[in-house]
Amino acid sequence: MRHRFSFTAFSIIFFVFVFAHQSVLCKTLKRDVKALNEIKASLGWRVVYSWVGDDPCGDGHLPPWSGVTCSTQGDYRVVTELEVYAVSIVGPFPVAVTNLLDLTRLDLHNNKLTGPIPPQIGRLRRLKILNLRWNKLQDVIPPEIGALKSLTHLYLGFNNFKGEIPKELANLRELRYLHLNENRLSGRIPAELSTLPNLRHLDVGNNHLVGTIRELIRIEGCFPLLRNLYINNNYFTGGVPSQLANLTNLEILYLSYNKMSGIIPPGVAHISKLTYLYLDHNQFSGRIPDAFYKHPFLKEMYIEGNAFRQGVKPIGIHKVLEVSDAEFLA
């Protein structure tokens, strides 16, 4: 029995020694070390002061750099997440980021990044979350983002992007949340986006977009899981088509401040989950169908700034609709 105990104790000690020895030998991939040090050199003092040492994943004596998450793959460690937000990073988008090929999350939101997103962004094939909102990024949205087939969350709002929405975004079959609001985008929303099978939230509000809702939902079976549609503060024309009722999961429909006209079809009131309806400041006419006032879930309906018949009343207390990041960020 004593020999068996000694052998077991020796086995445990040997395992711990080997594991610890392997952990020491497990180094960060040189590619990632080089990329992060290039980023460190370009970001400025607000970030650099907390990035101590040469290894972004830590070297045993020093912890990983703040905002850097690493994981072990075989004999090496790789960088899988980079979150450096709200630290007033100034300057162009750090191209070296596109060398971190194992990234699953890239969050640089609420900084002062300028210039374009480089086309090399398409190299980050494992990326699931890309959050660049609240910067000063410019130029067009690169179509290479359409190569990020694992992407589930894309946040590009509150920048200075111009040009058209690239139809290549329709290649992002896993995409759930698409935020392109508060930019200078023009042209039409590609109808191909309506085929995204997992899209829950589409926000293109506060741009210079044109077109009609009918064009956007013309593809059969479109927007199968869409819950929130924001196209407010653009230049949309035409009416609200009865086919909109086919978006059975719709909860928020935000059409405010466009140039839309015509009557509101009764069928829209039969979208069972509809909770917020914003029709204000368009050119709608006629009357609001009674079904809207009997809807079991409709909490707010904004109608002011239209040509509805006298006596038509809104629903609910009017207040600014604010949705927190926590509802969208994974």
Protein backbone atom coordinates (compact mmCIF):
# COMPACT_ATOMS: atom_id res chain seq x y z
CA MET A 1 0.00 0.00 0.00
CA ARG A 2 2.90 2.34 0.87
CA HIS A 3 4.46 1.75 -2.56
CA ARG A 4 1.16 2.48 -4.30
CA PHE A 5 0.82 5.78 -2.39
CA SER A 6 4.37 6.78 -3.24
CA PHE A 7 3.82 6.00 -6.91
CA THR A 8 0.59 8.06 -6.99
CA ALA A 9 2.19 11.02 -5.26
CA PHE A 10 5.14 10.84 -7.64
CA SER A 11 2.76 10.74 -10.63
CA ILE A 12 0.96 13.88 -9.45
CA ILE A 13 4.20 15.74 -8.81
CA PHE A 14 5.53 14.66 -12.20
CA PHE A 15 2.33 15.79 -13.97
CA VAL A 16 2.38 19.20 -12.26
CA PHE A 17 6.07 19.63 -13.14
CA VAL A 18 5.49 18.72 -16.79
CA PHE A 19 2.41 20.95 -17.07
CA ALA A 20 4.22 23.89 -15.49
CA HIS A 21 7.22 23.29 -17.71
CA GLN A 22 5.00 23.22 -20.81
CA SER A 23 3.26 26.43 -19.69
CA VAL A 24 6.60 28.18 -19.46
CA LEU A 25 7.54 26.90 -22.89
CA CYS A 26 4.18 27.95 -24.37
CA LYS A 27 5.08 31.21 -26.07
CA THR A 28 2.95 33.74 -27.85
CA LEU A 29 2.99 33.41 -31.61
CA LYS A 30 5.63 35.78 -33.02
CA ARG A 31 3.15 37.07 -35.59
CA ASP A 32 0.82 38.28 -32.83
CA VAL A 33 3.62 39.71 -30.69
CA LYS A 34 4.88 41.73 -33.65
CA ALA A 35 1.39 42.94 -34.57
CA LEU A 36 0.51 44.05 -31.02
CA ASN A 37 3.82 45.85 -30.57
CA GLU A 38 3.22 47.69 -33.86
CA ILE A 39 -0.23 48.65 -32.59
CA LYS A 40 1.31 49.71 -29.26
CA ALA A 41 3.71 52.01 -31.08
CA SER A 42 0.87 53.66 -32.99
CA LEU A 43 -1.83 54.12 -30.33
CA GLY A 44 -0.33 56.75 -28.05
CA TRP A 45 0.36 57.12 -24.34
CA ARG A 46 -3.20 56.57 -23.08
CA VAL A 47 -2.93 52.88 -23.97
CA VAL A 48 0.82 52.30 -23.84
CA TYR A 49 1.13 53.09 -20.13
CA SER A 50 -0.81 49.92 -19.28
CA TRP A 51 0.86 47.73 -21.90
CA VAL A 52 4.00 46.69 -20.06
CA GLY A 53 6.50 44.17 -21.37
CA ASP A 54 7.09 42.79 -24.83
CA ASP A 55 4.59 39.90 -24.74
CA PRO A 56 0.91 40.98 -25.01
CA CYS A 57 -0.19 37.65 -23.50
CA GLY A 58 2.10 38.04 -20.46
CA ASP A 59 5.39 36.31 -19.77
CA GLY A 60 4.88 34.73 -16.37
CA HIS A 61 6.10 37.75 -14.44
CA LEU A 62 3.82 40.28 -16.12
CA PRO A 63 0.07 39.94 -16.78
CA PRO A 64 -1.47 40.12 -20.27
CA TRP A 65 -1.91 43.60 -21.66
CA SER A 66 -5.13 45.32 -20.74
CA GLY A 67 -7.84 44.56 -23.29
CA VAL A 68 -5.92 41.64 -24.81
CA THR A 69 -7.28 38.10 -24.45
CA CYS A 70 -5.20 35.10 -25.48
CA SER A 71 -5.79 31.39 -25.80
CA THR A 72 -3.54 28.38 -26.29
CA GLN A 73 -3.38 26.61 -29.62
CA GLY A 74 -0.97 23.70 -29.61
CA ASP A 75 2.43 24.92 -28.43
CA TYR A 76 1.63 28.61 -28.81
CA ARG A 77 -0.62 31.30 -27.45
CA VAL A 78 -2.58 33.47 -29.87
CA VAL A 79 -4.51 36.71 -29.44
CA THR A 80 -8.25 36.07 -29.77
CA GLU A 81 -9.76 39.34 -28.50
CA LEU A 82 -8.69 42.97 -28.62
CA GLU A 83 -10.83 45.50 -26.74
CA VAL A 84 -9.40 49.00 -26.54
CA TYR A 85 -12.31 51.43 -26.34
CA ALA A 86 -13.07 54.84 -24.89
CA VAL A 87 -9.41 55.78 -24.42
CA SER A 88 -9.21 58.56 -27.02
CA ILE A 89 -7.06 56.72 -29.54
CA VAL A 90 -6.18 59.26 -32.22
CA GLY A 91 -5.05 58.48 -35.76
CA PRO A 92 -5.72 56.06 -38.59
CA PHE A 93 -7.10 52.58 -38.15
CA PRO A 94 -4.10 50.41 -37.09
CA VAL A 95 -3.52 48.17 -40.09
CA ALA A 96 -1.42 45.79 -37.97
CA VAL A 97 -4.68 44.61 -36.39
CA THR A 98 -5.38 42.69 -39.59
CA ASN A 99 -2.38 40.44 -38.84
CA LEU A 100 -4.11 39.04 -35.74
CA LEU A 101 -5.64 36.21 -37.73
CA ASP A 102 -7.17 34.43 -34.72
CA LEU A 103 -9.22 37.39 -33.51
CA THR A 104 -12.84 36.63 -32.70
CA ARG A 105 -13.62 40.05 -31.18
CA LEU A 106 -12.29 43.46 -32.19
CA ASP A 107 -13.67 46.39 -30.21
CA LEU A 108 -12.18 49.85 -30.80
CA HIS A 109 -15.38 51.83 -30.31
CA ASN A 110 -15.64 55.33 -28.85
CA ASN A 111 -12.20 56.55 -29.89
CA LYS A 112 -10.99 59.06 -32.47
CA LEU A 113 -9.85 56.78 -35.26
CA THR A 114 -9.78 58.43 -38.69
CA GLY A 115 -9.35 57.43 -42.31
CA PRO A 116 -10.71 54.28 -43.97
CA ILE A 117 -11.04 50.72 -42.74
CA PRO A 118 -8.28 48.96 -44.70
CA PRO A 119 -9.35 46.25 -47.14
CA GLN A 120 -7.07 43.85 -45.27
CA ILE A 121 -9.86 43.61 -42.69
CA GLY A 122 -11.11 40.72 -44.82
CA ARG A 123 -8.24 38.58 -43.50
CA LEU A 124 -9.86 38.23 -40.06
CA ARG A 125 -11.92 35.20 -41.03
CA ARG A 126 -12.59 34.11 -37.43
CA LEU A 127 -13.98 37.46 -36.34
CA LYS A 128 -17.44 37.30 -34.74
CA ILE A 129 -17.77 40.81 -33.31
CA LEU A 130 -16.49 43.98 -35.00
CA ASN A 131 -17.28 47.17 -33.09
CA LEU A 132 -15.90 50.42 -34.54
CA ARG A 133 -18.77 52.77 -33.76
CA TRP A 134 -18.30 56.26 -32.31
CA ASN A 135 -15.10 57.06 -34.21
CA LYS A 136 -14.31 59.39 -37.12
CA LEU A 137 -13.72 56.73 -39.74
CA GLN A 138 -14.21 57.83 -43.35
CA ASP A 139 -14.45 56.71 -46.96
CA VAL A 140 -16.57 53.74 -48.04
CA ILE A 141 -17.37 50.60 -46.09
CA PRO A 142 -14.94 48.06 -47.59
CA PRO A 143 -16.70 45.20 -49.39
CA GLU A 144 -14.02 42.90 -47.95
CA ILE A 145 -16.02 42.84 -44.72
CA GLY A 146 -18.29 40.48 -46.62
CA ALA A 147 -15.52 37.85 -46.33
CA LEU A 148 -15.91 37.68 -42.54
CA LYS A 149 -18.28 34.72 -42.69
CA SER A 150 -18.30 34.16 -38.90
CA LEU A 151 -19.41 37.71 -38.09
CA THR A 152 -22.50 37.96 -35.87
CA HIS A 153 -22.26 41.62 -34.73
CA LEU A 154 -21.20 44.53 -36.97
CA TYR A 155 -21.20 48.02 -35.46
CA LEU A 156 -20.09 50.85 -37.76
CA GLY A 157 -22.48 53.56 -36.59
CA PHE A 158 -21.55 57.13 -35.66
CA ASN A 159 -18.73 57.58 -38.16
CA ASN A 160 -18.31 59.44 -41.44
CA PHE A 161 -18.69 56.60 -43.92
CA LYS A 162 -20.00 57.56 -47.34
CA GLY A 163 -21.01 55.81 -50.54
CA GLU A 164 -23.34 52.85 -50.82
CA ILE A 165 -23.88 49.96 -48.46
CA PRO A 166 -21.88 47.10 -50.01
CA LYS A 167 -24.06 44.24 -51.16
CA GLU A 168 -21.26 41.90 -50.06
CA LEU A 169 -22.61 42.22 -46.51
CA ALA A 170 -25.30 39.78 -47.64
CA ASN A 171 -22.57 37.09 -47.49
CA LEU A 172 -22.55 37.33 -43.69
CA ARG A 173 -24.99 34.50 -43.10
CA GLU A 174 -24.39 34.44 -39.33
CA LEU A 175 -24.98 38.18 -38.88
CA ARG A 176 -27.50 39.12 -36.20
CA TYR A 177 -26.91 42.82 -35.56
CA LEU A 178 -26.05 45.37 -38.25
CA HIS A 179 -25.57 48.99 -37.18
CA LEU A 180 -24.75 51.49 -39.94
CA ASN A 181 -26.58 54.46 -38.43
CA GLU A 182 -25.32 58.04 -38.16
CA ASN A 183 -23.09 58.09 -41.24
CA ARG A 184 -23.26 59.68 -44.70
CA LEU A 185 -24.27 56.59 -46.62
CA SER A 186 -26.22 57.10 -49.85
CA GLY A 187 -28.04 55.05 -52.47
CA ARG A 188 -30.39 52.18 -51.72
CA ILE A 189 -30.24 49.47 -49.09
CA PRO A 190 -29.25 46.32 -51.00
CA ALA A 191 -32.29 44.05 -51.13
CA GLU A 192 -29.86 41.14 -50.72
CA LEU A 193 -29.56 42.05 -47.03
CA SER A 194 -33.14 40.89 -46.55
CA THR A 195 -32.00 37.31 -47.22
CA LEU A 196 -29.76 37.19 -44.13
CA PRO A 197 -31.30 34.27 -42.23
CA ASN A 198 -30.21 35.33 -38.73
CA LEU A 199 -30.52 39.12 -38.86
CA ARG A 200 -32.39 40.47 -35.84
CA HIS A 201 -31.55 44.17 -35.89
CA LEU A 202 -30.96 46.48 -38.85
CA ASP A 203 -30.22 50.14 -38.17
CA VAL A 204 -29.44 52.45 -41.10
CA GLY A 205 -30.99 55.55 -39.55
CA ASN A 206 -29.59 59.06 -40.04
CA ASN A 207 -27.97 58.64 -43.43
CA HIS A 208 -28.76 59.87 -46.96
CA LEU A 209 -30.43 56.69 -48.21
CA VAL A 210 -33.22 56.57 -50.77
CA GLY A 211 -35.68 53.97 -52.01
CA THR A 212 -38.87 52.35 -50.80
CA ILE A 213 -39.80 49.67 -48.30
CA ARG A 214 -41.35 47.71 -51.16
CA GLU A 215 -37.94 47.44 -52.82
CA LEU A 216 -36.37 46.31 -49.58
CA ILE A 217 -38.79 43.45 -48.92
CA ARG A 218 -39.42 42.32 -52.48
CA ILE A 219 -37.60 38.98 -52.04
CA GLU A 220 -39.88 36.16 -50.90
CA GLY A 221 -39.21 35.00 -47.36
CA CYS A 222 -37.19 38.12 -46.56
CA PHE A 223 -36.04 39.08 -43.06
CA PRO A 224 -37.23 35.83 -41.43
CA LEU A 225 -36.00 36.75 -37.92
CA LEU A 226 -35.91 40.56 -38.06
CA ARG A 227 -37.13 42.21 -34.86
CA ASN A 228 -35.99 45.82 -35.21
CA LEU A 229 -35.93 47.90 -38.41
CA TYR A 230 -34.60 51.46 -38.24
CA ILE A 231 -34.63 53.49 -41.47
CA ASN A 232 -35.45 56.83 -39.85
CA ASN A 233 -34.00 60.17 -40.94
CA ASN A 234 -33.35 59.30 -44.56
CA TYR A 235 -35.06 60.08 -47.89
CA PHE A 236 -37.32 57.07 -48.28
CA THR A 237 -40.41 57.58 -50.41
CA GLY A 238 -43.47 55.53 -51.32
CA GLY A 239 -45.87 53.93 -48.91
CA VAL A 240 -46.00 51.20 -46.32
CA PRO A 241 -46.73 48.03 -48.34
CA SER A 242 -49.17 45.46 -47.00
CA GLN A 243 -46.42 42.83 -47.51
CA LEU A 244 -44.68 44.31 -44.48
CA ALA A 245 -47.06 42.21 -42.40
CA ASN A 246 -45.06 39.16 -43.53
CA LEU A 247 -42.27 40.24 -41.15
CA THR A 248 -43.97 38.40 -38.34
CA ASN A 249 -41.16 38.86 -35.78
CA LEU A 250 -41.06 42.64 -36.12
CA GLU A 251 -41.14 44.50 -32.78
CA ILE A 252 -39.80 47.98 -33.63
CA LEU A 253 -40.51 49.78 -36.92
CA TYR A 254 -38.86 53.19 -37.08
CA LEU A 255 -39.83 55.20 -40.19
CA SER A 256 -39.66 58.74 -38.77
CA TYR A 257 -38.38 61.72 -40.77
CA ASN A 258 -38.58 60.40 -44.31
CA LYS A 259 -40.71 61.39 -47.30
CA MET A 260 -43.10 58.47 -47.21
CA SER A 261 -46.77 58.85 -48.12
CA GLY A 262 -50.06 57.02 -48.59
CA ILE A 263 -52.25 55.20 -46.08
CA ILE A 264 -51.23 52.73 -43.40
CA PRO A 265 -52.50 49.27 -44.38
CA PRO A 266 -54.56 47.46 -41.71
CA GLY A 267 -52.46 44.31 -42.15
CA VAL A 268 -49.50 45.93 -40.40
CA ALA A 269 -51.59 45.99 -37.21
CA HIS A 270 -51.64 42.20 -37.32
CA ILE A 271 -47.89 41.88 -36.78
CA SER A 272 -48.37 40.13 -33.47
CA LYS A 273 -45.17 41.27 -31.71
CA LEU A 274 -45.20 44.90 -32.86
CA THR A 275 -44.40 47.07 -29.84
CA TYR A 276 -43.09 50.42 -31.14
CA LEU A 277 -44.27 52.09 -34.36
CA TYR A 278 -42.77 55.40 -35.48
CA LEU A 279 -44.53 57.04 -38.43
CA ASP A 280 -43.98 60.68 -37.51
CA HIS A 281 -42.77 63.43 -39.83
CA ASN A 282 -43.64 61.87 -43.16
CA GLN A 283 -46.51 62.54 -45.56
CA PHE A 284 -48.91 59.78 -44.55
CA SER A 285 -52.64 60.42 -44.93
CA GLY A 286 -56.01 58.80 -44.25
CA ARG A 287 -56.79 57.33 -40.85
CA ILE A 288 -55.12 54.88 -38.52
CA PRO A 289 -56.95 51.51 -38.68
CA ASP A 290 -58.78 50.67 -35.44
CA ALA A 291 -56.79 47.43 -35.16
CA PHE A 292 -53.74 49.43 -34.04
CA TYR A 293 -55.63 50.74 -31.02
CA LYS A 294 -56.65 47.21 -30.07
CA HIS A 295 -53.19 45.70 -30.53
CA PRO A 296 -52.22 43.79 -27.34
CA PHE A 297 -48.51 44.72 -27.41
CA LEU A 298 -48.30 48.10 -29.15
CA LYS A 299 -46.99 50.52 -26.51
CA GLU A 300 -46.10 53.57 -28.56
CA MET A 301 -47.19 54.91 -31.94
CA TYR A 302 -45.84 58.25 -33.12
CA ILE A 303 -47.93 59.91 -35.85
CA GLU A 304 -47.31 63.67 -35.64
CA GLY A 305 -46.06 65.63 -38.64
CA ASN A 306 -48.28 63.83 -41.18
CA ALA A 307 -51.56 64.51 -42.98
CA PHE A 308 -53.75 62.05 -41.10
CA ARG A 309 -57.43 62.84 -40.68
CA GLN A 310 -58.42 65.02 -37.77
CA GLY A 311 -59.06 63.04 -34.62
CA VAL A 312 -56.37 60.46 -35.18
CA LYS A 313 -54.45 60.01 -31.92
CA PRO A 314 -51.11 58.49 -31.02
CA ILE A 315 -50.62 55.61 -28.62
CA GLY A 316 -48.60 55.75 -25.43
CA ILE A 317 -46.41 58.41 -23.89
CA HIS A 318 -44.03 60.03 -26.33
CA LYS A 319 -40.44 59.79 -25.32
CA VAL A 320 -37.08 59.35 -27.06
CA LEU A 321 -36.42 55.72 -27.80
CA GLU A 322 -33.04 54.74 -26.43
CA VAL A 323 -31.59 51.25 -26.64
CA SER A 324 -28.49 50.45 -24.62
CA ASP A 325 -25.42 48.69 -25.96
CA ALA A 326 -26.02 45.92 -23.45
CA GLU A 327 -28.99 44.73 -25.49
CA PHE A 328 -26.81 44.07 -28.51
CA LEU A 329 -23.27 43.32 -27.41
CA ALA A 330 -22.55 39.69 -26.75
